[in-house]
Amino acid sequence: MRPRFPTCQEVEAFLVSEFKDHPAEDVLNAFSWAFFDGNYEPTDSKKVWARKLMADQKDSGESEDILLARVWHTCFPKTGGRDPADYFLADWVRMGFEELSVPVTYALSGLEPGQPSTKFGKVVQAAFAYRRVAADWRRPTERAAKPGEIEL
């Protein structure tokens, strides 16, 4: 069975219901880039590896095998790989919150394991679902909520 993704109308209704204190038009304008307009494209990790490998090899003089192993473990740690495009999407949501002057917070729900308990987490999760991003929403959300504290 294929997963069901939210429609444009469902996303708009969700956003308006989450931000009841703000006019619907302002809410939809604030999040239009994150949900509808922004050019989200998953990063081709092989191209990223190749560029990084070539740059590192020039700088350090180390063998290609050692550098490739280092790049591999950076891109695919035990917790999973990192796609910069997913982090951009979470940043776009953060910008929408800032435009509405709503505080950006991050926390996991104690009642529903693996689910966001803050408005920011719920909106990032909705953006990932609408854009059909297969990645987990947690790390990009945490990094966007605490810029400068967490390394990519």
N, C-alpha and C. Protein backbone atom coordinates (compact mmCIF):
# COMPACT_ATOMS: atom_id res chain seq x y z
N MET A 1 0.84 -1.19 0.00
CA MET A 1 0.00 0.00 0.00
C MET A 1 0.89 1.25 0.00
N ARG A 2 0.62 2.17 -0.91
CA ARG A 2 1.39 3.41 -1.02
C ARG A 2 1.01 4.38 0.09
N PRO A 3 2.00 5.13 0.60
CA PRO A 3 1.66 6.12 1.63
C PRO A 3 0.83 7.26 1.03
N ARG A 4 -0.04 7.81 1.84
CA ARG A 4 -0.88 8.92 1.39
C ARG A 4 -0.20 10.22 1.78
N PHE A 5 -0.03 11.10 0.82
CA PHE A 5 0.61 12.39 1.07
C PHE A 5 -0.47 13.47 1.12
N PRO A 6 -0.28 14.49 1.97
CA PRO A 6 -1.30 15.54 2.08
C PRO A 6 -1.43 16.35 0.79
N THR A 7 -2.65 16.79 0.55
CA THR A 7 -2.91 17.64 -0.62
C THR A 7 -2.61 19.10 -0.25
N CYS A 8 -2.59 19.95 -1.24
CA CYS A 8 -2.36 21.38 -1.03
C CYS A 8 -3.42 21.96 -0.08
N GLN A 9 -4.67 21.58 -0.29
CA GLN A 9 -5.76 22.10 0.55
C GLN A 9 -5.61 21.62 2.00
N GLU A 10 -5.19 20.37 2.18
CA GLU A 10 -4.99 19.85 3.54
C GLU A 10 -3.85 20.57 4.25
N VAL A 11 -2.79 20.87 3.52
CA VAL A 11 -1.67 21.60 4.11
C VAL A 11 -2.10 23.01 4.50
N GLU A 12 -2.83 23.68 3.63
CA GLU A 12 -3.31 25.03 3.94
C GLU A 12 -4.20 25.01 5.17
N ALA A 13 -5.11 24.04 5.26
CA ALA A 13 -6.01 23.94 6.42
C ALA A 13 -5.21 23.67 7.69
N PHE A 14 -4.20 22.80 7.60
CA PHE A 14 -3.35 22.50 8.76
C PHE A 14 -2.63 23.76 9.24
N LEU A 15 -2.02 24.49 8.32
CA LEU A 15 -1.27 25.69 8.70
C LEU A 15 -2.17 26.74 9.35
N VAL A 16 -3.33 26.95 8.76
CA VAL A 16 -4.27 27.95 9.31
C VAL A 16 -4.73 27.52 10.70
N SER A 17 -4.96 26.21 10.91
CA SER A 17 -5.41 25.74 12.22
C SER A 17 -4.30 25.83 13.27
N GLU A 18 -3.05 25.67 12.86
CA GLU A 18 -1.92 25.75 13.80
C GLU A 18 -1.66 27.19 14.24
N PHE A 19 -1.97 28.15 13.38
CA PHE A 19 -1.69 29.57 13.66
C PHE A 19 -3.00 30.36 13.69
N LYS A 20 -3.88 30.00 14.59
CA LYS A 20 -5.21 30.62 14.68
C LYS A 20 -5.14 32.11 15.03
N ASP A 21 -4.07 32.52 15.71
CA ASP A 21 -3.94 33.92 16.13
C ASP A 21 -3.51 34.86 15.00
N HIS A 22 -3.19 34.30 13.84
CA HIS A 22 -2.71 35.09 12.71
C HIS A 22 -3.69 35.00 11.55
N PRO A 23 -3.81 36.05 10.75
CA PRO A 23 -4.67 35.98 9.56
C PRO A 23 -4.19 34.87 8.62
N ALA A 24 -5.14 34.16 8.04
CA ALA A 24 -4.83 33.02 7.16
C ALA A 24 -3.90 33.42 6.02
N GLU A 25 -4.13 34.58 5.44
CA GLU A 25 -3.30 35.03 4.31
C GLU A 25 -1.84 35.22 4.74
N ASP A 26 -1.63 35.79 5.94
CA ASP A 26 -0.27 35.98 6.45
C ASP A 26 0.42 34.64 6.68
N VAL A 27 -0.32 33.68 7.23
CA VAL A 27 0.25 32.36 7.50
C VAL A 27 0.65 31.68 6.19
N LEU A 28 -0.22 31.69 5.21
CA LEU A 28 0.07 31.03 3.94
C LEU A 28 1.22 31.73 3.20
N ASN A 29 1.29 33.05 3.29
CA ASN A 29 2.41 33.77 2.68
C ASN A 29 3.74 33.44 3.37
N ALA A 30 3.71 33.33 4.70
CA ALA A 30 4.93 33.05 5.45
C ALA A 30 5.52 31.68 5.12
N PHE A 31 4.64 30.71 4.87
CA PHE A 31 5.12 29.35 4.63
C PHE A 31 5.07 28.93 3.17
N SER A 32 4.79 29.85 2.27
CA SER A 32 4.68 29.46 0.85
C SER A 32 6.00 28.92 0.32
N TRP A 33 7.13 29.50 0.75
CA TRP A 33 8.42 29.03 0.25
C TRP A 33 8.71 27.61 0.72
N ALA A 34 8.45 27.34 1.99
CA ALA A 34 8.75 26.01 2.55
C ALA A 34 7.87 24.92 1.95
N PHE A 35 6.61 25.25 1.67
CA PHE A 35 5.69 24.21 1.21
C PHE A 35 5.50 24.18 -0.30
N PHE A 36 5.37 25.34 -0.92
CA PHE A 36 4.92 25.35 -2.31
C PHE A 36 5.92 25.91 -3.32
N ASP A 37 6.69 26.94 -2.95
CA ASP A 37 7.50 27.65 -3.94
C ASP A 37 8.97 27.25 -3.98
N GLY A 38 9.55 26.93 -2.85
CA GLY A 38 10.99 26.65 -2.79
C GLY A 38 11.38 25.48 -3.67
N ASN A 39 12.55 25.57 -4.27
CA ASN A 39 13.01 24.52 -5.18
C ASN A 39 13.74 23.46 -4.38
N TYR A 40 13.01 22.49 -3.82
CA TYR A 40 13.61 21.41 -3.03
C TYR A 40 14.04 20.29 -3.95
N GLU A 41 15.31 19.96 -3.90
CA GLU A 41 15.83 18.81 -4.65
C GLU A 41 16.79 18.06 -3.75
N PRO A 42 16.55 16.76 -3.51
CA PRO A 42 17.51 16.01 -2.70
C PRO A 42 18.90 16.08 -3.33
N THR A 43 19.91 16.15 -2.50
CA THR A 43 21.27 16.26 -2.99
C THR A 43 21.77 14.91 -3.48
N ASP A 44 22.47 14.91 -4.59
CA ASP A 44 23.09 13.69 -5.09
C ASP A 44 24.37 13.49 -4.30
N SER A 45 24.35 12.57 -3.34
CA SER A 45 25.48 12.41 -2.43
C SER A 45 26.75 11.95 -3.13
N LYS A 46 26.63 11.25 -4.26
CA LYS A 46 27.84 10.82 -4.98
C LYS A 46 28.60 12.03 -5.52
N LYS A 47 27.87 13.04 -6.00
CA LYS A 47 28.53 14.25 -6.48
C LYS A 47 29.20 14.99 -5.33
N VAL A 48 28.53 15.02 -4.18
CA VAL A 48 29.10 15.68 -3.00
C VAL A 48 30.38 14.96 -2.60
N TRP A 49 30.36 13.63 -2.56
CA TRP A 49 31.56 12.87 -2.20
C TRP A 49 32.69 13.17 -3.16
N ALA A 50 32.39 13.14 -4.46
CA ALA A 50 33.44 13.34 -5.46
C ALA A 50 34.10 14.70 -5.30
N ARG A 51 33.30 15.76 -5.11
CA ARG A 51 33.86 17.10 -4.93
C ARG A 51 34.72 17.17 -3.67
N LYS A 52 34.20 16.63 -2.58
CA LYS A 52 34.92 16.67 -1.30
C LYS A 52 36.20 15.86 -1.39
N LEU A 53 36.13 14.71 -2.02
CA LEU A 53 37.29 13.84 -2.16
C LEU A 53 38.40 14.53 -2.95
N MET A 54 38.04 15.17 -4.05
CA MET A 54 39.04 15.85 -4.88
C MET A 54 39.68 17.01 -4.13
N ALA A 55 38.88 17.78 -3.41
CA ALA A 55 39.41 18.91 -2.65
C ALA A 55 40.33 18.44 -1.54
N ASP A 56 39.91 17.39 -0.80
CA ASP A 56 40.73 16.88 0.29
C ASP A 56 42.05 16.30 -0.21
N GLN A 57 41.97 15.62 -1.34
CA GLN A 57 43.17 14.98 -1.89
C GLN A 57 44.21 16.03 -2.28
N LYS A 58 43.76 17.13 -2.85
CA LYS A 58 44.69 18.21 -3.22
C LYS A 58 45.35 18.80 -1.98
N ASP A 59 44.53 19.00 -0.92
CA ASP A 59 45.02 19.67 0.28
C ASP A 59 45.95 18.81 1.12
N SER A 60 45.62 17.53 1.28
CA SER A 60 46.34 16.72 2.26
C SER A 60 47.40 15.79 1.69
N GLY A 61 47.23 15.37 0.45
CA GLY A 61 48.17 14.42 -0.13
C GLY A 61 47.95 13.00 0.35
N GLU A 62 46.86 12.74 1.10
CA GLU A 62 46.56 11.38 1.57
C GLU A 62 46.05 10.53 0.42
N SER A 63 46.04 9.21 0.65
CA SER A 63 45.57 8.31 -0.39
C SER A 63 44.06 8.45 -0.57
N GLU A 64 43.61 8.09 -1.75
CA GLU A 64 42.18 8.20 -2.06
C GLU A 64 41.34 7.30 -1.17
N ASP A 65 41.85 6.11 -0.81
CA ASP A 65 41.09 5.17 0.03
C ASP A 65 40.82 5.75 1.42
N ILE A 66 41.83 6.36 2.01
CA ILE A 66 41.66 6.95 3.35
C ILE A 66 40.66 8.10 3.29
N LEU A 67 40.79 8.94 2.28
CA LEU A 67 39.87 10.07 2.15
C LEU A 67 38.45 9.60 1.89
N LEU A 68 38.29 8.59 1.04
CA LEU A 68 36.96 8.07 0.74
C LEU A 68 36.31 7.50 1.99
N ALA A 69 37.08 6.80 2.81
CA ALA A 69 36.55 6.25 4.06
C ALA A 69 36.10 7.38 4.98
N ARG A 70 36.88 8.45 5.06
CA ARG A 70 36.52 9.58 5.93
C ARG A 70 35.24 10.25 5.43
N VAL A 71 35.14 10.47 4.13
CA VAL A 71 33.94 11.09 3.56
C VAL A 71 32.74 10.18 3.78
N TRP A 72 32.89 8.88 3.58
CA TRP A 72 31.79 7.93 3.76
C TRP A 72 31.26 8.00 5.19
N HIS A 73 32.15 7.96 6.18
CA HIS A 73 31.71 7.97 7.57
C HIS A 73 31.13 9.32 7.99
N THR A 74 31.52 10.38 7.32
CA THR A 74 30.93 11.68 7.60
C THR A 74 29.51 11.74 7.03
N CYS A 75 29.33 11.24 5.81
CA CYS A 75 28.02 11.30 5.17
C CYS A 75 27.05 10.24 5.71
N PHE A 76 27.58 9.11 6.16
CA PHE A 76 26.72 8.02 6.62
C PHE A 76 27.15 7.51 7.99
N PRO A 77 26.98 8.32 9.03
CA PRO A 77 27.28 7.84 10.37
C PRO A 77 26.22 6.81 10.78
N LYS A 78 26.37 6.23 11.96
CA LYS A 78 25.42 5.22 12.42
C LYS A 78 23.99 5.75 12.47
N THR A 79 23.85 7.05 12.70
CA THR A 79 22.51 7.64 12.81
C THR A 79 21.90 7.95 11.45
N GLY A 80 22.61 7.72 10.36
CA GLY A 80 22.06 7.98 9.03
C GLY A 80 22.75 9.14 8.35
N GLY A 81 22.58 9.24 7.05
CA GLY A 81 23.22 10.28 6.27
C GLY A 81 22.57 11.63 6.45
N ARG A 82 23.21 12.64 5.89
CA ARG A 82 22.70 14.00 6.00
C ARG A 82 22.55 14.58 4.61
N ASP A 83 21.36 15.00 4.29
CA ASP A 83 21.12 15.64 3.00
C ASP A 83 20.91 17.12 3.26
N PRO A 84 21.81 17.98 2.78
CA PRO A 84 21.66 19.41 3.03
C PRO A 84 20.30 19.97 2.62
N ALA A 85 19.69 19.40 1.60
CA ALA A 85 18.39 19.91 1.14
C ALA A 85 17.33 19.77 2.23
N ASP A 86 17.39 18.71 3.03
CA ASP A 86 16.43 18.52 4.12
C ASP A 86 16.60 19.61 5.18
N TYR A 87 17.84 20.00 5.42
CA TYR A 87 18.11 21.06 6.39
C TYR A 87 17.64 22.42 5.86
N PHE A 88 17.77 22.64 4.55
CA PHE A 88 17.25 23.87 3.96
C PHE A 88 15.74 23.96 4.15
N LEU A 89 15.05 22.86 3.96
CA LEU A 89 13.60 22.84 4.10
C LEU A 89 13.20 23.22 5.53
N ALA A 90 13.89 22.68 6.53
CA ALA A 90 13.61 23.04 7.92
C ALA A 90 13.93 24.52 8.16
N ASP A 91 14.98 25.03 7.53
CA ASP A 91 15.31 26.46 7.66
C ASP A 91 14.22 27.34 7.04
N TRP A 92 13.66 26.90 5.92
CA TRP A 92 12.57 27.67 5.30
C TRP A 92 11.37 27.75 6.25
N VAL A 93 11.08 26.65 6.95
CA VAL A 93 9.98 26.67 7.92
C VAL A 93 10.33 27.64 9.05
N ARG A 94 11.58 27.61 9.53
CA ARG A 94 12.00 28.53 10.59
C ARG A 94 11.81 29.98 10.15
N MET A 95 12.13 30.28 8.89
CA MET A 95 11.95 31.64 8.37
C MET A 95 10.48 32.05 8.40
N GLY A 96 9.59 31.10 8.12
CA GLY A 96 8.15 31.38 8.21
C GLY A 96 7.74 31.73 9.63
N PHE A 97 8.28 31.00 10.60
CA PHE A 97 7.99 31.29 12.01
C PHE A 97 8.50 32.68 12.37
N GLU A 98 9.71 33.01 11.91
CA GLU A 98 10.27 34.32 12.21
C GLU A 98 9.44 35.43 11.59
N GLU A 99 8.94 35.20 10.37
CA GLU A 99 8.11 36.20 9.71
C GLU A 99 6.82 36.46 10.49
N LEU A 100 6.29 35.42 11.13
CA LEU A 100 5.07 35.56 11.93
C LEU A 100 5.36 35.95 13.38
N SER A 101 6.65 36.09 13.72
CA SER A 101 7.08 36.40 15.09
C SER A 101 6.61 35.35 16.09
N VAL A 102 6.69 34.08 15.69
CA VAL A 102 6.33 32.96 16.55
C VAL A 102 7.63 32.30 17.00
N PRO A 103 7.79 32.01 18.30
CA PRO A 103 9.04 31.40 18.75
C PRO A 103 9.25 30.00 18.17
N VAL A 104 10.49 29.70 17.85
CA VAL A 104 10.87 28.40 17.30
C VAL A 104 11.40 27.54 18.44
N THR A 105 10.73 26.42 18.70
CA THR A 105 11.16 25.52 19.77
C THR A 105 11.21 24.09 19.23
N TYR A 106 11.97 23.25 19.92
CA TYR A 106 12.12 21.86 19.50
C TYR A 106 12.04 20.95 20.72
N ALA A 107 11.23 19.92 20.64
CA ALA A 107 11.16 18.89 21.69
C ALA A 107 10.42 17.69 21.12
N LEU A 108 10.72 16.53 21.68
CA LEU A 108 10.02 15.31 21.29
C LEU A 108 8.88 15.06 22.26
N SER A 109 7.83 14.44 21.78
CA SER A 109 6.67 14.17 22.61
C SER A 109 6.95 13.00 23.55
N GLY A 110 6.59 13.17 24.80
CA GLY A 110 6.69 12.07 25.75
C GLY A 110 5.52 11.12 25.63
N LEU A 111 4.42 11.62 25.07
CA LEU A 111 3.21 10.80 24.94
C LEU A 111 3.24 9.94 23.69
N GLU A 112 3.72 10.50 22.60
CA GLU A 112 3.79 9.77 21.34
C GLU A 112 5.25 9.69 20.91
N PRO A 113 5.91 8.58 21.19
CA PRO A 113 7.34 8.48 20.84
C PRO A 113 7.59 8.74 19.35
N GLY A 114 8.62 9.55 19.09
CA GLY A 114 8.99 9.84 17.71
C GLY A 114 8.17 10.94 17.05
N GLN A 115 7.25 11.53 17.77
CA GLN A 115 6.42 12.59 17.21
C GLN A 115 6.81 13.94 17.82
N PRO A 116 6.68 15.02 17.07
CA PRO A 116 7.03 16.33 17.62
C PRO A 116 5.99 16.78 18.63
N SER A 117 6.45 17.52 19.63
CA SER A 117 5.51 18.05 20.61
C SER A 117 5.37 19.56 20.50
N THR A 118 6.14 20.18 19.62
CA THR A 118 6.05 21.63 19.45
C THR A 118 5.44 21.96 18.09
N LYS A 119 4.94 23.17 18.00
CA LYS A 119 4.34 23.64 16.75
C LYS A 119 5.38 23.62 15.62
N PHE A 120 6.61 24.03 15.93
CA PHE A 120 7.66 24.05 14.91
C PHE A 120 7.92 22.64 14.37
N GLY A 121 8.05 21.67 15.25
CA GLY A 121 8.28 20.29 14.82
C GLY A 121 7.14 19.76 13.97
N LYS A 122 5.92 20.09 14.35
CA LYS A 122 4.75 19.62 13.58
C LYS A 122 4.73 20.22 12.17
N VAL A 123 5.10 21.49 12.06
CA VAL A 123 5.09 22.14 10.75
C VAL A 123 6.22 21.60 9.87
N VAL A 124 7.41 21.36 10.45
CA VAL A 124 8.50 20.77 9.67
C VAL A 124 8.10 19.37 9.21
N GLN A 125 7.51 18.59 10.11
CA GLN A 125 7.06 17.24 9.74
C GLN A 125 6.04 17.31 8.61
N ALA A 126 5.13 18.27 8.66
CA ALA A 126 4.14 18.44 7.60
C ALA A 126 4.81 18.84 6.28
N ALA A 127 5.82 19.71 6.35
CA ALA A 127 6.55 20.11 5.13
C ALA A 127 7.25 18.91 4.51
N PHE A 128 7.86 18.06 5.34
CA PHE A 128 8.52 16.86 4.83
C PHE A 128 7.50 15.93 4.19
N ALA A 129 6.33 15.77 4.81
CA ALA A 129 5.30 14.89 4.25
C ALA A 129 4.78 15.44 2.93
N TYR A 130 4.52 16.75 2.87
CA TYR A 130 3.99 17.35 1.64
C TYR A 130 4.99 17.25 0.50
N ARG A 131 6.27 17.46 0.82
CA ARG A 131 7.32 17.41 -0.21
C ARG A 131 7.79 15.98 -0.49
N ARG A 132 7.21 15.02 0.23
CA ARG A 132 7.53 13.59 0.07
C ARG A 132 8.99 13.30 0.37
N VAL A 133 9.49 13.94 1.42
CA VAL A 133 10.86 13.71 1.87
C VAL A 133 10.86 12.46 2.74
N ALA A 134 11.68 11.49 2.38
CA ALA A 134 11.73 10.23 3.11
C ALA A 134 12.55 10.34 4.40
N ALA A 135 13.37 11.36 4.52
CA ALA A 135 14.25 11.51 5.68
C ALA A 135 13.44 11.80 6.94
N ASP A 136 14.05 11.46 8.08
CA ASP A 136 13.43 11.75 9.36
C ASP A 136 13.49 13.26 9.61
N TRP A 137 12.47 13.80 10.18
CA TRP A 137 12.33 15.24 10.40
C TRP A 137 13.14 15.74 11.59
N ARG A 138 13.57 14.84 12.49
CA ARG A 138 14.12 15.27 13.78
C ARG A 138 15.41 16.09 13.71
N ARG A 139 16.46 15.58 13.08
CA ARG A 139 17.74 16.29 13.06
C ARG A 139 17.64 17.64 12.35
N PRO A 140 17.04 17.71 11.16
CA PRO A 140 16.91 19.03 10.53
C PRO A 140 16.10 20.01 11.39
N THR A 141 15.08 19.50 12.08
CA THR A 141 14.25 20.36 12.94
C THR A 141 15.07 20.87 14.11
N GLU A 142 15.81 19.97 14.74
CA GLU A 142 16.62 20.36 15.89
C GLU A 142 17.67 21.40 15.50
N ARG A 143 18.31 21.19 14.35
CA ARG A 143 19.34 22.12 13.90
C ARG A 143 18.74 23.49 13.54
N ALA A 144 17.58 23.50 12.91
CA ALA A 144 16.95 24.77 12.55
C ALA A 144 16.46 25.51 13.79
N ALA A 145 16.05 24.77 14.82
CA ALA A 145 15.56 25.40 16.04
C ALA A 145 16.70 25.98 16.87
N LYS A 146 17.89 25.40 16.73
CA LYS A 146 19.04 25.84 17.51
C LYS A 146 20.20 26.17 16.58
N PRO A 147 20.07 27.18 15.71
CA PRO A 147 21.14 27.48 14.75
C PRO A 147 22.44 27.85 15.46
N GLY A 148 23.53 27.34 14.93
CA GLY A 148 24.83 27.65 15.50
C GLY A 148 25.27 26.70 16.60
N GLU A 149 24.33 25.95 17.19
CA GLU A 149 24.68 25.04 18.27
C GLU A 149 25.01 23.64 17.77
N ILE A 150 24.42 23.24 16.64
CA ILE A 150 24.56 21.87 16.15
C ILE A 150 25.23 21.90 14.79
N GLU A 151 26.29 21.13 14.65
CA GLU A 151 27.01 21.07 13.38
C GLU A 151 26.27 20.17 12.40
N LEU A 152 26.32 20.51 11.13
CA LEU A 152 25.72 19.68 10.07
C LEU A 152 26.63 18.54 9.76
